[in-house]
Protein backbone atom coordinates (compact mmCIF):
# COMPACT_ATOMS: atom_id res chain seq x y z
CA MET A 1 -4.61 0.18 -13.45
CA SER A 2 -7.65 -1.56 -14.86
CA VAL A 3 -8.27 -5.20 -13.96
CA SER A 4 -11.34 -7.20 -14.95
CA HIS A 5 -12.83 -9.59 -12.43
CA GLN A 6 -15.55 -12.20 -12.42
CA ILE A 7 -18.86 -10.99 -11.04
CA PRO A 8 -18.86 -11.61 -7.26
CA ARG A 9 -21.35 -14.27 -6.24
CA PRO A 10 -23.92 -14.11 -3.42
CA LEU A 11 -22.72 -15.93 -0.32
CA VAL A 12 -24.81 -18.56 1.45
CA VAL A 13 -23.82 -19.51 5.00
CA SER A 14 -25.71 -22.57 6.26
CA THR A 15 -25.30 -26.26 6.95
CA ASP A 16 -29.04 -27.00 7.01
CA ASP A 17 -29.76 -29.13 3.91
CA GLY A 18 -33.39 -28.01 3.71
CA ARG A 19 -32.48 -24.35 4.01
CA LEU A 20 -29.69 -24.74 1.44
CA ASP A 21 -32.14 -26.31 -1.05
CA ASP A 22 -34.55 -23.36 -0.58
CA LEU A 23 -31.83 -20.74 -1.03
CA LEU A 24 -30.17 -22.41 -4.02
CA ARG A 25 -33.53 -22.70 -5.77
CA LEU A 26 -34.35 -19.07 -5.03
CA LEU A 27 -30.96 -17.77 -6.18
CA ALA A 28 -31.18 -19.80 -9.37
CA ALA A 29 -34.50 -18.09 -10.08
CA ALA A 30 -32.76 -14.74 -9.51
CA GLY A 31 -30.10 -15.64 -12.07
CA ALA A 32 -27.32 -15.83 -9.49
CA GLU A 33 -24.85 -18.64 -8.83
CA PRO A 34 -24.07 -18.63 -5.08
CA GLU A 35 -20.91 -19.44 -3.17
CA LEU A 36 -21.12 -21.64 -0.08
CA ALA A 37 -18.84 -21.11 2.92
CA THR A 38 -19.12 -21.69 6.66
CA GLY A 39 -15.71 -20.76 8.09
CA GLY A 40 -12.01 -20.04 7.66
CA PRO A 41 -10.33 -17.89 4.99
CA ALA A 42 -12.95 -18.85 2.38
CA LEU A 43 -15.72 -17.34 4.52
CA ARG A 44 -13.71 -14.17 5.26
CA ARG A 45 -12.97 -13.58 1.58
CA ALA A 46 -16.45 -14.33 0.27
CA TYR A 47 -18.07 -12.32 3.09
CA ARG A 48 -16.11 -9.22 2.08
CA GLU A 49 -16.73 -9.54 -1.66
CA ALA A 50 -20.26 -10.93 -2.01
CA PRO A 51 -22.96 -8.48 -3.16
CA LEU A 52 -25.39 -10.26 -0.79
CA VAL A 53 -24.95 -12.59 2.20
CA LEU A 54 -27.74 -15.03 3.07
CA VAL A 55 -27.28 -16.55 6.51
CA GLY A 56 -29.30 -19.56 7.59
CA ALA A 57 -30.62 -19.28 11.15
CA ASP A 58 -28.65 -22.44 11.96
CA ALA A 59 -25.37 -20.53 11.37
CA LEU A 60 -26.10 -17.76 13.87
CA ALA A 61 -24.73 -19.78 16.76
CA ALA A 62 -21.33 -20.13 15.11
CA GLY A 63 -18.66 -17.70 16.26
CA ALA A 64 -17.23 -17.32 12.76
CA LEU A 65 -19.83 -14.74 11.66
CA ARG A 66 -19.64 -12.69 14.84
CA ALA A 67 -15.87 -12.31 14.38
CA LEU A 68 -16.31 -10.66 10.95
CA PRO A 69 -16.69 -6.87 10.48
CA ARG A 70 -20.18 -5.53 9.89
CA ARG A 71 -21.23 -4.95 6.31
CA PRO A 72 -24.45 -4.12 4.44
CA GLY A 73 -26.46 -6.74 2.59
CA VAL A 74 -26.67 -9.44 5.28
CA ILE A 75 -30.01 -11.29 5.38
CA VAL A 76 -30.86 -13.95 7.95
CA VAL A 77 -33.16 -16.62 6.48
CA THR A 78 -35.35 -18.85 8.62
CA GLY A 79 -38.40 -21.09 8.27
CA SER A 80 -40.17 -19.76 11.36
CA ASP A 81 -40.07 -16.83 13.76
CA LEU A 82 -36.74 -16.55 15.56
CA PRO A 83 -36.53 -17.00 19.34
CA ALA A 84 -35.15 -14.07 21.31
CA GLY A 85 -31.61 -15.47 21.48
CA GLU A 86 -31.35 -15.87 17.72
CA TRP A 87 -32.83 -12.39 17.16
CA ALA A 88 -30.03 -10.99 19.31
CA ALA A 89 -27.48 -12.93 17.24
CA ALA A 90 -28.99 -11.57 14.02
CA VAL A 91 -28.65 -8.03 15.34
CA GLU A 92 -25.06 -8.74 16.40
CA VAL A 93 -24.03 -9.76 12.86
CA GLY A 94 -25.68 -6.62 11.45
CA ALA A 95 -28.54 -8.29 9.56
CA GLU A 96 -30.64 -5.78 7.60
CA ARG A 97 -33.65 -8.12 7.77
CA VAL A 98 -34.82 -11.54 8.93
CA ALA A 99 -36.61 -13.23 6.02
CA VAL A 100 -39.11 -15.97 6.96
CA LEU A 101 -39.76 -18.51 4.20
CA PRO A 102 -42.04 -19.07 2.42
CA ALA A 103 -43.83 -15.84 3.43
CA ASP A 104 -40.93 -13.56 2.41
CA GLU A 105 -39.88 -15.51 -0.69
CA ALA A 106 -41.06 -12.84 -3.19
CA TRP A 107 -39.17 -10.11 -1.32
CA LEU A 108 -36.02 -12.22 -1.04
CA LEU A 109 -36.16 -13.09 -4.75
CA SER A 110 -36.37 -9.38 -5.60
CA ARG A 111 -33.50 -8.53 -3.23
CA ALA A 112 -31.29 -11.28 -4.69
CA SER A 113 -32.06 -10.19 -8.26
CA ALA A 114 -31.09 -6.59 -7.46
CA ALA A 115 -27.81 -7.72 -5.88
CA ALA A 116 -26.97 -9.86 -8.91
CA ARG A 117 -27.47 -6.84 -11.20
CA SER A 118 -25.25 -4.56 -9.08
CA PRO A 119 -22.00 -6.42 -8.31
CA VAL A 120 -19.32 -4.89 -6.16
CA ASP A 121 -16.27 -3.67 -8.12
CA ARG A 122 -13.32 -4.02 -5.77
CA GLY A 123 -9.76 -2.91 -6.27
CA PRO A 124 -7.20 -5.71 -6.80
CA LEU A 125 -4.78 -6.90 -4.13
CA ILE A 126 -1.17 -7.94 -4.78
CA ALA A 127 0.78 -9.64 -1.98
CA VAL A 128 4.58 -9.64 -2.19
CA GLY A 129 6.77 -11.77 0.10
CA GLY A 130 10.16 -13.41 0.18
CA SER A 131 11.62 -16.84 0.80
CA CYS A 132 14.31 -15.38 3.06
CA GLY A 133 15.50 -12.16 4.64
CA GLY A 134 17.20 -9.69 2.34
CA ALA A 135 15.44 -10.95 -0.79
CA GLY A 136 14.43 -7.42 -1.80
CA VAL A 137 10.71 -7.80 -1.12
CA SER A 138 10.12 -4.21 0.01
CA THR A 139 11.88 -2.82 -3.05
CA VAL A 140 9.84 -5.01 -5.40
CA ALA A 141 6.56 -4.13 -3.65
CA THR A 142 7.39 -0.42 -3.80
CA ALA A 143 8.32 -0.69 -7.48
CA VAL A 144 4.98 -2.38 -8.26
CA ALA A 145 3.09 0.39 -6.44
CA LEU A 146 5.03 3.10 -8.29
CA ALA A 147 4.37 1.42 -11.65
CA ALA A 148 0.64 1.22 -10.83
CA ALA A 149 0.38 4.85 -9.62
CA PRO A 150 -1.47 7.09 -9.27
CA GLY A 151 -4.26 5.96 -6.99
CA VAL A 152 -2.60 2.93 -5.42
CA VAL A 153 -2.01 2.09 -1.76
CA LEU A 154 1.23 0.46 -0.57
CA VAL A 155 0.74 -1.36 2.74
CA ASP A 156 3.62 -2.25 5.06
CA ALA A 157 2.86 -5.50 6.90
CA ASP A 158 6.35 -5.82 8.40
CA PRO A 159 6.46 -3.74 11.58
CA TRP A 160 10.21 -4.27 11.99
CA GLY A 161 11.20 -3.45 8.42
CA GLY A 162 12.06 0.20 9.04
CA GLY A 163 9.04 1.67 7.24
CA LEU A 164 8.17 1.65 3.53
CA ASP A 165 7.86 5.44 3.57
CA LEU A 166 11.68 5.47 3.55
CA LEU A 167 11.72 3.78 0.15
CA LEU A 168 9.39 6.46 -1.19
CA GLY A 169 11.36 9.32 0.33
CA ALA A 170 8.25 10.15 2.37
CA GLU A 171 9.53 9.51 5.89
CA ARG A 172 8.98 13.17 6.83
CA THR A 173 5.62 13.48 5.09
CA GLU A 174 2.73 14.04 7.49
CA GLY A 175 0.09 11.33 7.74
CA LEU A 176 -1.14 8.34 9.70
CA ARG A 177 1.06 5.27 10.15
CA TRP A 178 0.40 1.85 11.67
CA PRO A 179 0.55 2.90 15.34
CA ASP A 180 -2.33 5.28 14.55
CA LEU A 181 -4.33 2.61 12.70
CA THR A 182 -3.95 -0.60 14.73
CA GLY A 183 -7.24 0.07 16.56
CA LEU A 184 -9.31 0.05 13.36
CA ARG A 185 -12.12 -2.49 13.14
CA GLY A 186 -15.04 -3.02 10.77
CA ARG A 187 -16.00 -0.58 8.01
CA VAL A 188 -13.78 2.44 7.30
CA ALA A 189 -14.35 5.17 4.72
CA GLY A 190 -11.76 4.63 1.99
CA ASP A 191 -11.56 8.22 0.76
CA ALA A 192 -11.05 9.51 4.31
CA LEU A 193 -8.33 6.91 4.91
CA LEU A 194 -6.40 7.82 1.75
CA ALA A 195 -6.61 11.52 2.56
CA ALA A 196 -5.00 10.81 5.95
CA LEU A 197 -2.07 8.73 4.63
CA PRO A 198 1.38 9.97 3.54
CA GLU A 199 1.60 10.19 -0.26
CA ALA A 200 4.51 10.35 -2.67
CA MET A 201 4.58 10.07 -6.47
CA GLY A 202 0.95 8.99 -6.59
CA VAL A 203 1.41 6.24 -3.99
CA HIS A 204 -0.39 6.38 -0.64
CA VAL A 205 1.52 4.40 1.96
CA VAL A 206 0.50 2.70 5.22
CA ALA A 207 3.94 2.56 6.79
CA ALA A 208 5.34 0.95 9.92
CA SER A 209 6.73 3.08 12.72
CA ARG A 210 10.46 3.47 13.31
CA ASN A 211 9.88 4.55 16.91
CA SER A 212 7.31 2.11 18.27
CA PRO A 213 7.01 -0.96 16.01
CA GLU A 214 4.31 -3.47 16.88
CA ALA A 215 2.61 -6.36 15.15
CA VAL A 216 -0.29 -5.40 12.88
CA PRO A 217 -3.54 -6.99 14.14
CA GLU A 218 -5.39 -9.02 11.53
CA GLU A 219 -8.57 -7.00 12.17
CA ALA A 220 -6.78 -3.70 11.51
CA MET A 221 -5.17 -5.02 8.33
CA ALA A 222 -8.56 -6.27 7.12
CA ALA A 223 -10.21 -2.91 7.87
CA VAL A 224 -7.53 -0.99 5.94
CA LEU A 225 -7.57 -3.30 2.91
CA ASP A 226 -11.37 -3.45 2.83
CA ALA A 227 -11.57 0.36 2.87
CA VAL A 228 -9.02 0.68 0.07
CA ARG A 229 -10.43 -2.03 -2.17
CA ALA A 230 -14.09 -1.09 -1.61
CA GLY A 231 -13.25 2.27 -3.16
CA GLY A 232 -11.78 0.54 -6.22
CA TRP A 233 -8.16 1.40 -5.41
CA PRO A 234 -5.45 -1.24 -5.92
CA ALA A 235 -3.45 -2.35 -2.87
CA VAL A 236 0.09 -3.77 -2.76
CA VAL A 237 1.10 -5.44 0.51
CA ASP A 238 4.72 -6.00 1.57
CA LEU A 239 4.54 -9.18 3.66
CA PRO A 240 7.13 -10.21 6.27
CA ARG A 241 8.85 -13.59 6.17
CA SER A 242 6.82 -15.55 8.71
CA ASP A 243 5.07 -18.83 9.37
CA PRO A 244 2.03 -18.78 7.02
CA GLY A 245 -0.02 -20.53 9.67
CA ALA A 246 0.87 -18.25 12.57
CA GLU A 247 -2.36 -17.26 14.32
CA ALA A 248 -1.03 -13.88 15.46
CA SER A 249 -0.04 -12.88 11.94
CA ALA A 250 -2.10 -10.99 9.35
CA VAL A 251 -0.20 -12.84 6.60
CA PRO A 252 -2.64 -15.78 6.08
CA ALA A 253 -5.67 -13.50 5.73
CA VAL A 254 -3.88 -11.20 3.26
CA LEU A 255 -2.80 -14.16 1.14
CA ALA A 256 -6.30 -15.65 1.23
CA ASP A 257 -7.69 -12.42 -0.24
CA ALA A 258 -4.88 -11.68 -2.71
CA ASP A 259 -5.61 -11.57 -6.44
CA LEU A 260 -1.92 -12.26 -7.09
CA SER A 261 0.79 -13.46 -4.72
CA VAL A 262 4.45 -12.94 -5.65
CA LEU A 263 7.33 -14.68 -3.89
CA VAL A 264 10.81 -13.14 -4.35
CA VAL A 265 13.46 -15.88 -4.33
CA PRO A 266 17.26 -15.44 -4.59
CA ALA A 267 18.66 -18.10 -6.93
CA ARG A 268 20.35 -20.12 -4.19
CA LEU A 269 19.46 -23.69 -3.28
CA ARG A 270 18.71 -22.84 0.35
CA SER A 271 16.48 -19.88 -0.61
CA ALA A 272 14.62 -21.94 -3.20
CA THR A 273 14.16 -24.76 -0.67
CA ALA A 274 12.76 -22.27 1.85
CA ALA A 275 10.33 -21.07 -0.83
CA ARG A 276 9.22 -24.64 -1.46
CA LEU A 277 8.50 -25.10 2.25
CA LEU A 278 6.33 -21.97 2.17
CA VAL A 279 4.48 -23.12 -0.94
CA GLU A 280 3.89 -26.65 0.35
CA ALA A 281 2.98 -25.80 3.95
CA PRO A 282 -0.53 -27.12 4.80
CA GLY A 283 -3.09 -24.40 4.15
CA SER A 284 -0.45 -21.96 2.91
CA GLY A 285 -1.62 -19.00 0.85
CA TRP A 286 1.64 -19.21 -1.10
CA ALA A 287 0.49 -22.38 -2.88
CA SER A 288 -0.53 -20.35 -5.95
CA ALA A 289 2.37 -17.88 -5.83
CA HIS A 290 4.33 -16.72 -8.86
CA LEU A 291 8.07 -16.35 -8.45
CA VAL A 292 10.39 -13.43 -9.05
CA VAL A 293 13.93 -14.81 -9.16
CA ARG A 294 17.00 -12.76 -8.23
CA PRO A 295 20.03 -14.22 -10.05
CA VAL A 296 23.13 -14.93 -7.96
CA ALA A 297 26.65 -15.44 -9.34
CA GLY A 298 27.26 -19.19 -9.42
CA GLY A 299 23.68 -19.85 -8.28
CA LEU A 300 20.72 -21.71 -9.74
CA SER A 301 19.14 -20.92 -13.09
CA ARG A 302 15.54 -19.67 -13.18
CA ASP A 303 14.44 -23.11 -14.44
CA ASP A 304 16.24 -24.76 -11.50
CA VAL A 305 14.43 -22.44 -9.07
CA ALA A 306 11.08 -23.26 -10.66
CA ASP A 307 11.82 -26.99 -10.37
CA VAL A 308 12.86 -26.76 -6.70
CA VAL A 309 9.93 -24.57 -5.64
CA GLY A 310 7.32 -26.16 -7.88
CA ARG A 311 5.91 -22.82 -9.04
CA PRO A 312 6.34 -20.84 -12.28
CA VAL A 313 8.84 -18.00 -12.58
CA LEU A 314 7.03 -14.82 -13.52
CA ALA A 315 10.10 -12.62 -13.92
CA GLU A 316 13.82 -12.46 -13.30
CA LEU A 317 15.12 -9.37 -11.48
CA ALA A 318 18.44 -8.38 -12.99
CA HIS A 319 20.96 -6.53 -10.83
CA ASP A 320 20.17 -2.82 -10.59
CA ARG A 321 23.34 -0.87 -9.80
CA SER A 322 21.35 2.25 -8.93
CA ALA A 323 18.97 0.64 -6.41
CA VAL A 324 21.21 0.75 -3.34
CA ALA A 325 22.47 4.27 -4.03
CA ARG A 326 18.95 5.58 -4.61
CA GLY A 327 17.75 3.94 -1.41
CA GLU A 328 20.55 5.48 0.65
CA ARG A 329 19.69 8.91 -0.76
CA GLY A 330 16.03 8.46 0.12
CA GLU A 331 14.99 8.27 -3.53
CA PRO A 332 12.27 5.87 -4.76
CA PRO A 333 13.29 2.88 -6.93
CA ALA A 334 13.63 3.62 -10.64
CA VAL A 335 10.68 2.08 -12.48
CA SER A 336 11.19 3.30 -16.03
CA ALA A 337 10.30 0.79 -18.74
CA ARG A 338 14.01 0.01 -19.26
CA SER A 339 15.04 -0.33 -15.61
CA PRO A 340 15.27 -3.83 -14.05
CA LEU A 341 12.68 -3.04 -11.36
CA GLY A 342 10.42 -1.30 -13.87
CA ARG A 343 10.40 -4.35 -16.14
CA VAL A 344 9.61 -6.69 -13.24
CA ALA A 345 6.88 -4.41 -11.87
CA ARG A 346 5.19 -4.20 -15.27
CA ARG A 347 5.41 -7.95 -15.69
CA ILE A 348 3.65 -8.39 -12.34
CA LEU A 349 0.92 -5.91 -13.28
CA ALA A 350 0.49 -7.60 -16.67
CA GLN A 351 0.06 -10.96 -14.96
CA LEU A 352 -2.59 -9.46 -12.69
CA ALA A 353 -4.46 -7.98 -15.64
CA SER A 354 -4.35 -11.20 -17.69
CA ALA A 355 -5.12 -13.61 -14.87
CA PRO A 356 -8.56 -15.24 -15.09
CA ALA A 357 -9.96 -13.34 -12.13
CA VAL A 358 -8.23 -14.98 -9.32
CA ALA A 359 -10.31 -17.80 -8.05
CA ARG A 360 -12.29 -15.90 -5.59
């Protein structure tokens, strides 16, 4: 699956007006338009994707940077020699160098120019969730992964969903599952991770455990997705139905990073209303979601669902008589071009490919 993205922008982390003026002037000379962020989901996303991160010395005291995984290309920028405490903080965030302006301006200009010429090409991320239980989220997510195969990773974010490997018929396939991966932090080699995962029909799956389910830590989810996407592989995440603002959940961070979010909504008034609550929740990552509507006899029309939720309908999932039987036999969903799930999966992938590089 080939998806074109905007060139990632260098990230500047500082609240010092003088330092910001220096860095913006320098980056303009390097032909790079920077992104500014100091905290929250915007910082986490930009920090992962930026080809270069310039951190003002004033930002070293903030805990936001220390909570992020280490990565290459972090430069601390200061106007004078750092005191010992700030040097320790620079080491803690993994800075490759402390640049002192104006003495190091020529070096920093060269480093910024090189980063602008060599952007990071990351794999796309699709997040799939539902407005209610039983919406068919796991089946849709699996169908999207199968349609995008080979070389795609399907990630199970619902520890109590029974395991997505079941939907692929890979429940007995050897490989690592979430209980083996919840301790991951920071940078992980993507090729080594994929080689260790169960694989079926060209889809590598990070599945939940059926024996010892436990919540997926946000740090572990970030490490897995970073490893996958840094290698250029697409990732499809099956999200549980949960409070989008729950601190203990990995859902907000996944949605903040997603190139496309898809909300599966049965065409019932209560389900559509629940979807609207998700979309309109303060700070919700579902605010830009596209809808997949599942028709219900006597239920709402797709236009009614769009009106209630306030988001566009991307596709309508017609009833697939074979889906339940295939699932009970341990067979993957049918994703041929003429099957209901196949049509929806291809519509989702087409939307991803045509989207104007998700506002990153």
